[in-house]
Amino acid sequence: MSATQAIHTTGIVVALASEAGTLTSHATKPGHVTALTDGAALCLGGMGPIAARHAAEMLIDAGATALAVFGVAGALSTHLRNGALFCPECVLDEEGHTYYTDLEWRIRLQQRLATSLPADGALLSVTSPLLTAVAKARAHQRYEALAVDMESAAVAAVAEKHGLPLLVLRAIVDECDDLIPEALNGSVDAWGRPRPLKLMAAFCRHPSLLGELPRLYSRMQRATQALRAVAAAAGPSLGWHR
């Protein structure tokens, strides 16, 4: 059975290869739909709104009846720490649009999880990453959002266009006071995979960056462990049923 024939529940948009790995042990190809069990599927779209929008449309074309955004995000609030889960009630973009997630779906997901799942407040989607504490503080003050990513608003717009329910589930990687070195941020590809030559060049120019790797690795490990726990408890469809 092909991936497109198997999908009839949740289409899950993920940006990073590490996020996809929390949902399936099978290889996932960037820009392609990968069928999961329970009639669900994921699309490893890559970072940013354009990639996310394309991934969402691909999942709908393949038969998805609901859309979810699943992966990691940055905190804008001091109340969200590394490894915390966030299931926002709405998603904002920088142009002032507000998109609401499906309340019943959020409740069903909460019922399947053994841990508390914050499901109030807003998540902000931006077109460029917020790498400094100052940038995050300004965004928090302006939008009053609790966390930030680059994909959810684009997927939300597609869900609204097609009249489909939406769920957003994020695990926090960087906290609001964390700094993400620009040189390291530029050393990964659109799917979060290291670019060896650029990474080596970054270390040559900034040797101190080597000291940042254990902290960044630990942050990502904690967030992906939280995502794996959700996937195991909620199943591939993340609790959605028609």
Protein backbone atom coordinates (compact mmCIF):
# COMPACT_ATOMS: atom_id res chain seq x y z
CA MET A 1 0.00 0.00 0.00
CA SER A 2 1.39 3.40 -0.93
CA ALA A 3 1.69 6.26 1.56
CA THR A 4 -1.06 8.22 -0.15
CA GLN A 5 -3.48 5.29 -0.02
CA ALA A 6 -2.85 4.71 3.68
CA ILE A 7 -3.54 8.23 4.99
CA HIS A 8 -6.96 9.00 6.36
CA THR A 9 -6.36 10.64 9.74
CA THR A 10 -3.66 13.05 10.87
CA GLY A 11 -1.10 14.66 8.60
CA ILE A 12 1.85 15.77 10.73
CA VAL A 13 4.20 18.52 9.61
CA VAL A 14 7.72 18.30 11.02
CA ALA A 15 10.60 20.57 10.10
CA LEU A 16 13.62 18.67 11.41
CA ALA A 17 14.92 15.16 10.86
CA SER A 18 15.31 14.76 14.63
CA GLU A 19 11.61 15.56 15.08
CA ALA A 20 10.62 12.97 12.49
CA GLY A 21 12.73 10.43 14.36
CA THR A 22 10.50 10.76 17.43
CA LEU A 23 7.50 9.56 15.40
CA THR A 24 8.98 6.72 13.37
CA SER A 25 12.07 4.53 13.25
CA HIS A 26 11.85 4.34 9.46
CA ALA A 27 13.89 6.60 7.23
CA THR A 28 12.13 9.79 6.22
CA LYS A 29 12.96 11.61 3.03
CA PRO A 30 12.83 15.40 3.00
CA GLY A 31 9.91 16.77 1.04
CA HIS A 32 8.08 13.43 0.93
CA VAL A 33 5.07 11.98 2.76
CA THR A 34 5.87 9.04 5.04
CA ALA A 35 2.99 6.83 6.12
CA LEU A 36 2.66 5.93 9.79
CA THR A 37 0.24 3.49 11.40
CA ASP A 38 -3.31 4.39 12.45
CA GLY A 39 -3.92 6.10 9.10
CA ALA A 40 -1.54 8.95 9.90
CA ALA A 41 1.45 10.31 8.01
CA LEU A 42 4.22 12.84 8.39
CA CYS A 43 5.99 15.13 5.99
CA LEU A 44 9.53 16.25 6.71
CA GLY A 45 9.19 19.69 5.23
CA GLY A 46 12.17 21.66 6.51
CA MET A 47 12.40 24.89 8.42
CA GLY A 48 10.38 28.02 7.69
CA PRO A 49 6.88 28.96 6.60
CA ILE A 50 7.24 28.25 2.89
CA ALA A 51 8.46 24.70 3.52
CA ALA A 52 5.76 24.14 6.15
CA ARG A 53 2.98 25.35 3.87
CA HIS A 54 4.14 23.03 1.10
CA ALA A 55 4.33 20.07 3.50
CA ALA A 56 0.80 20.74 4.76
CA GLU A 57 -0.59 20.87 1.23
CA MET A 58 1.18 17.62 0.36
CA LEU A 59 -0.40 15.88 3.35
CA ILE A 60 -3.87 17.12 2.42
CA ASP A 61 -3.38 15.98 -1.16
CA ALA A 62 -2.40 12.58 0.24
CA GLY A 63 -5.67 12.27 2.17
CA ALA A 64 -5.07 13.80 5.62
CA THR A 65 -8.29 14.83 7.39
CA ALA A 66 -6.57 16.81 10.15
CA LEU A 67 -3.26 18.68 10.41
CA ALA A 68 -0.75 18.75 13.25
CA VAL A 69 2.54 20.55 13.76
CA PHE A 70 4.90 18.48 15.88
CA GLY A 71 8.39 19.29 17.07
CA VAL A 72 10.47 21.74 19.02
CA ALA A 73 10.19 25.46 19.71
CA GLY A 74 11.84 28.23 21.66
CA ALA A 75 10.44 29.70 24.87
CA LEU A 76 9.44 33.34 25.15
CA SER A 77 8.13 32.99 28.69
CA THR A 78 10.11 32.13 31.81
CA HIS A 79 7.39 29.62 32.67
CA LEU A 80 8.42 27.29 29.83
CA ARG A 81 11.67 25.47 30.50
CA ASN A 82 13.72 23.10 28.37
CA GLY A 83 11.82 19.84 27.82
CA ALA A 84 8.41 21.32 28.69
CA LEU A 85 5.50 20.57 26.37
CA PHE A 86 3.25 23.29 24.98
CA CYS A 87 -0.02 22.78 23.13
CA PRO A 88 -1.19 26.34 22.34
CA GLU A 89 -4.80 27.37 22.01
CA CYS A 90 -3.86 29.73 19.18
CA VAL A 91 -1.07 30.56 16.77
CA LEU A 92 -0.05 34.09 15.79
CA ASP A 93 2.00 35.41 12.91
CA GLU A 94 3.93 38.65 12.56
CA GLU A 95 1.24 40.16 10.33
CA GLY A 96 -1.41 40.04 13.04
CA HIS A 97 -3.30 36.90 12.03
CA THR A 98 -4.62 34.57 14.74
CA TYR A 99 -5.41 30.91 14.13
CA TYR A 100 -7.12 28.73 16.74
CA THR A 101 -6.33 25.10 17.35
CA ASP A 102 -9.01 22.46 17.86
CA LEU A 103 -10.22 22.46 21.49
CA GLU A 104 -11.66 18.92 21.52
CA TRP A 105 -8.48 17.55 20.00
CA ARG A 106 -6.36 19.29 22.65
CA ILE A 107 -8.58 17.77 25.36
CA ARG A 108 -8.28 14.26 23.89
CA LEU A 109 -4.52 14.58 23.67
CA GLN A 110 -4.34 15.73 27.28
CA GLN A 111 -6.38 12.72 28.38
CA ARG A 112 -3.90 10.35 26.74
CA LEU A 113 -0.85 11.85 28.40
CA ALA A 114 0.29 11.01 31.89
CA THR A 115 1.87 14.42 32.41
CA SER A 116 0.36 17.90 32.49
CA LEU A 117 0.13 19.55 29.08
CA PRO A 118 -0.12 23.36 29.08
CA ALA A 119 -2.83 24.11 26.53
CA ASP A 120 -3.50 27.81 27.03
CA GLY A 121 -1.80 30.83 25.54
CA ALA A 122 -0.38 31.63 22.13
CA LEU A 123 2.54 30.48 20.03
CA LEU A 124 4.19 32.99 17.70
CA SER A 125 5.47 32.00 14.26
CA VAL A 126 8.27 34.11 12.78
CA THR A 127 10.06 34.13 9.45
CA SER A 128 13.57 34.33 10.96
CA PRO A 129 14.81 32.60 14.11
CA LEU A 130 15.06 34.53 17.38
CA LEU A 131 18.58 33.73 18.55
CA THR A 132 19.10 36.12 21.47
CA ALA A 133 17.43 36.79 24.80
CA VAL A 134 16.79 40.38 23.71
CA ALA A 135 14.97 39.30 20.53
CA LYS A 136 12.85 36.85 22.49
CA ALA A 137 12.00 39.44 25.16
CA ARG A 138 10.88 41.93 22.52
CA ALA A 139 8.69 39.32 20.82
CA HIS A 140 7.17 38.30 24.15
CA GLN A 141 6.37 41.90 25.02
CA ARG A 142 4.88 42.70 21.61
CA TYR A 143 2.82 39.56 20.99
CA GLU A 144 2.35 38.17 24.53
CA ALA A 145 3.07 34.70 23.13
CA LEU A 146 4.62 32.00 25.30
CA ALA A 147 6.77 30.27 22.66
CA VAL A 148 8.05 30.77 19.14
CA ASP A 149 8.60 28.68 16.02
CA MET A 150 8.77 29.21 12.25
CA GLU A 151 6.16 26.82 10.86
CA SER A 152 2.89 26.68 12.80
CA ALA A 153 1.19 29.77 11.37
CA ALA A 154 1.80 28.60 7.80
CA VAL A 155 0.28 25.19 8.56
CA ALA A 156 -2.59 26.86 10.43
CA ALA A 157 -3.38 28.99 7.39
CA VAL A 158 -3.55 25.86 5.22
CA ALA A 159 -5.79 24.11 7.76
CA GLU A 160 -8.12 27.12 7.85
CA LYS A 161 -8.22 27.29 4.06
CA HIS A 162 -9.29 23.64 3.82
CA GLY A 163 -11.56 23.63 6.87
CA LEU A 164 -9.48 21.04 8.74
CA PRO A 165 -8.86 20.76 12.49
CA LEU A 166 -5.42 21.81 13.71
CA LEU A 167 -3.22 20.74 16.60
CA VAL A 168 0.17 22.19 17.52
CA LEU A 169 2.42 20.33 19.93
CA ARG A 170 5.85 21.75 20.76
CA ALA A 171 8.61 20.73 23.15
CA ILE A 172 10.82 23.56 24.33
CA VAL A 173 14.48 23.50 23.31
CA ASP A 174 15.96 26.92 24.06
CA GLU A 175 14.71 28.87 27.04
CA CYS A 176 13.96 32.58 26.89
CA ASP A 177 17.39 33.53 28.28
CA ASP A 178 19.36 31.15 26.05
CA LEU A 179 21.65 32.40 23.30
CA ILE A 180 21.91 30.40 20.09
CA PRO A 181 25.22 31.24 18.35
CA GLU A 182 24.60 32.56 14.85
CA ALA A 183 27.58 30.63 13.48
CA LEU A 184 26.17 27.32 14.73
CA ASN A 185 22.67 28.16 13.54
CA GLY A 186 24.07 28.67 10.05
CA SER A 187 25.90 25.34 10.14
CA VAL A 188 22.82 23.15 9.71
CA ASP A 189 20.69 22.56 6.65
CA ALA A 190 16.95 23.20 6.26
CA TRP A 191 16.16 19.92 8.03
CA GLY A 192 18.44 20.54 11.00
CA ARG A 193 21.21 18.25 9.82
CA PRO A 194 24.86 19.37 10.31
CA ARG A 195 26.75 20.76 7.34
CA PRO A 196 30.24 19.40 8.12
CA LEU A 197 32.27 21.91 6.11
CA LYS A 198 30.37 24.91 7.47
CA LEU A 199 30.53 23.50 10.97
CA MET A 200 34.30 23.05 10.74
CA ALA A 201 34.68 26.57 9.36
CA ALA A 202 32.59 27.95 12.23
CA PHE A 203 34.81 26.20 14.78
CA CYS A 204 37.94 27.52 13.10
CA ARG A 205 36.63 31.10 13.23
CA HIS A 206 35.11 30.77 16.71
CA PRO A 207 36.88 28.05 18.76
CA SER A 208 34.78 28.92 21.80
CA LEU A 209 31.75 27.43 20.03
CA LEU A 210 33.01 23.95 20.91
CA GLY A 211 32.08 24.69 24.48
CA GLU A 212 28.47 25.36 23.45
CA LEU A 213 27.89 21.95 21.91
CA PRO A 214 27.24 19.96 25.11
CA ARG A 215 24.61 22.47 26.26
CA LEU A 216 22.86 22.57 22.89
CA TYR A 217 22.97 18.78 22.56
CA SER A 218 21.52 18.33 26.03
CA ARG A 219 18.73 20.82 25.29
CA MET A 220 17.75 19.00 22.10
CA GLN A 221 17.93 15.58 23.73
CA ARG A 222 15.57 16.62 26.50
CA ALA A 223 13.09 18.09 24.03
CA THR A 224 13.09 15.07 21.72
CA GLN A 225 12.64 12.73 24.69
CA ALA A 226 9.50 14.68 25.59
CA LEU A 227 8.25 14.34 22.01
CA ARG A 228 8.89 10.59 22.02
CA ALA A 229 6.85 10.25 25.20
CA VAL A 230 3.93 12.07 23.56
CA ALA A 231 4.14 9.92 20.43
CA ALA A 232 4.17 6.73 22.51
CA ALA A 233 1.20 7.79 24.63
CA ALA A 234 -0.96 9.43 21.97
CA GLY A 235 -0.22 7.22 18.97
CA PRO A 236 0.66 8.31 15.41
CA SER A 237 -2.62 10.21 14.91
CA LEU A 238 -1.91 12.20 18.11
CA GLY A 239 -5.39 11.44 19.41
CA TRP A 240 -7.35 12.63 16.40
CA HIS A 241 -10.35 10.61 15.21
CA ARG A 242 -13.06 11.66 12.78
